[in-house]
């Protein structure tokens, strides 16, 4: 195994653990990252969600609660405007 492969493998493991933690917290039925409502954390989680999808993680399969949260956030008018302005497609 090359050094690059070892680093990539370690990083994916770290990422998987972090994503499992996010999914576990969102799986309690909340609509937003924080119990008291929408905050800056929610669009940031959308960014992290998209990163997971971009590296090939089957986000809808492994993170159903996070997928639902990401879809809710992506439907917000302000988020739609930013995604459109930045040329970012959200199709999950």
Protein backbone atom coordinates (compact mmCIF):
# COMPACT_ATOMS: atom_id res chain seq x y z
CA UNK A 1 0.00 0.00 0.00
CA UNK A 2 1.37 3.40 -0.95
CA UNK A 3 1.45 6.30 1.47
CA UNK A 4 -1.31 8.03 -0.51
CA UNK A 5 -3.50 4.93 -0.31
CA UNK A 6 -2.90 4.63 3.44
CA UNK A 7 -3.78 8.26 4.02
CA UNK A 8 -6.90 7.96 1.85
CA UNK A 9 -8.01 4.84 3.70
CA UNK A 10 -7.51 6.51 7.07
CA UNK A 11 -9.33 9.65 5.94
CA UNK A 12 -12.33 7.66 4.67
CA UNK A 13 -12.52 5.88 8.02
CA UNK A 14 -12.44 9.17 9.89
CA UNK A 15 -15.06 10.59 7.56
CA UNK A 16 -17.29 7.53 7.91
CA UNK A 17 -17.19 7.83 11.71
CA UNK A 18 -18.05 11.53 11.58
CA UNK A 19 -20.89 10.93 9.11
CA UNK A 20 -22.27 8.12 11.29
CA UNK A 21 -22.28 10.53 14.24
CA UNK A 22 -24.13 13.19 12.24
CA UNK A 23 -26.68 10.62 11.04
CA UNK A 24 -27.21 9.31 14.57
CA UNK A 25 -27.90 12.81 15.88
CA UNK A 26 -30.30 13.70 13.06
CA UNK A 27 -32.11 10.36 13.37
CA UNK A 28 -33.87 11.47 16.55
CA UNK A 29 -36.58 13.06 14.42
CA UNK A 30 -35.44 16.67 14.52
CA UNK A 31 -35.96 18.86 11.46
CA UNK A 32 -32.76 20.83 11.89
CA UNK A 33 -29.29 20.23 13.28
CA UNK A 34 -30.07 22.07 16.49
CA UNK A 35 -33.27 21.35 18.35
CA UNK A 36 -34.33 25.01 18.56
CA UNK A 37 -34.50 25.46 14.78
CA UNK A 38 -32.67 26.48 11.63
CA UNK A 39 -29.14 27.83 12.12
CA UNK A 40 -25.97 28.26 10.10
CA UNK A 41 -25.15 24.64 10.98
CA UNK A 42 -27.86 23.38 8.62
CA UNK A 43 -26.47 24.74 5.34
CA UNK A 44 -23.00 23.67 6.45
CA UNK A 45 -24.31 20.14 6.89
CA UNK A 46 -25.65 20.40 3.32
CA UNK A 47 -22.09 21.15 2.15
CA UNK A 48 -20.73 18.15 4.06
CA UNK A 49 -23.54 15.97 2.71
CA UNK A 50 -22.68 16.95 -0.86
CA UNK A 51 -19.00 16.22 -0.22
CA UNK A 52 -19.92 12.71 0.88
CA UNK A 53 -21.97 12.21 -2.27
CA UNK A 54 -19.17 13.60 -4.45
CA UNK A 55 -16.64 11.09 -3.13
CA UNK A 56 -19.04 8.27 -3.89
CA UNK A 57 -20.70 7.57 -0.56
CA UNK A 58 -24.27 6.31 -1.03
CA UNK A 59 -25.63 9.05 1.23
CA UNK A 60 -29.32 8.24 0.79
CA UNK A 61 -28.66 4.63 1.77
CA UNK A 62 -26.30 5.15 4.69
CA UNK A 63 -27.72 8.42 6.03
CA UNK A 64 -31.51 8.51 5.54
CA UNK A 65 -32.17 11.09 8.28
CA UNK A 66 -29.40 13.32 6.99
CA UNK A 67 -30.72 12.92 3.46
CA UNK A 68 -34.15 14.13 4.57
CA UNK A 69 -32.56 17.07 6.39
CA UNK A 70 -30.40 17.94 3.36
CA UNK A 71 -33.44 17.88 1.09
CA UNK A 72 -35.36 20.18 3.47
CA UNK A 73 -32.48 22.63 3.57
CA UNK A 74 -32.01 22.51 -0.22
CA UNK A 75 -35.68 23.43 -0.70
CA UNK A 76 -35.33 26.73 1.19
CA UNK A 77 -35.62 29.74 -1.12
CA UNK A 78 -32.37 31.32 0.06
CA UNK A 79 -30.48 28.06 -0.37
CA UNK A 80 -32.00 27.61 -3.84
CA UNK A 81 -30.77 31.09 -4.80
CA UNK A 82 -27.24 30.34 -3.60
CA UNK A 83 -27.12 26.94 -5.29
CA UNK A 84 -28.32 28.50 -8.54
CA UNK A 85 -25.93 31.45 -8.32
CA UNK A 86 -22.99 29.11 -7.65
CA UNK A 87 -24.05 26.64 -10.34
CA UNK A 88 -24.43 23.81 -7.85
CA UNK A 89 -26.90 21.04 -8.58
CA UNK A 90 -28.51 19.26 -5.66
CA UNK A 91 -30.29 16.19 -6.96
CA UNK A 92 -30.39 13.86 -3.99
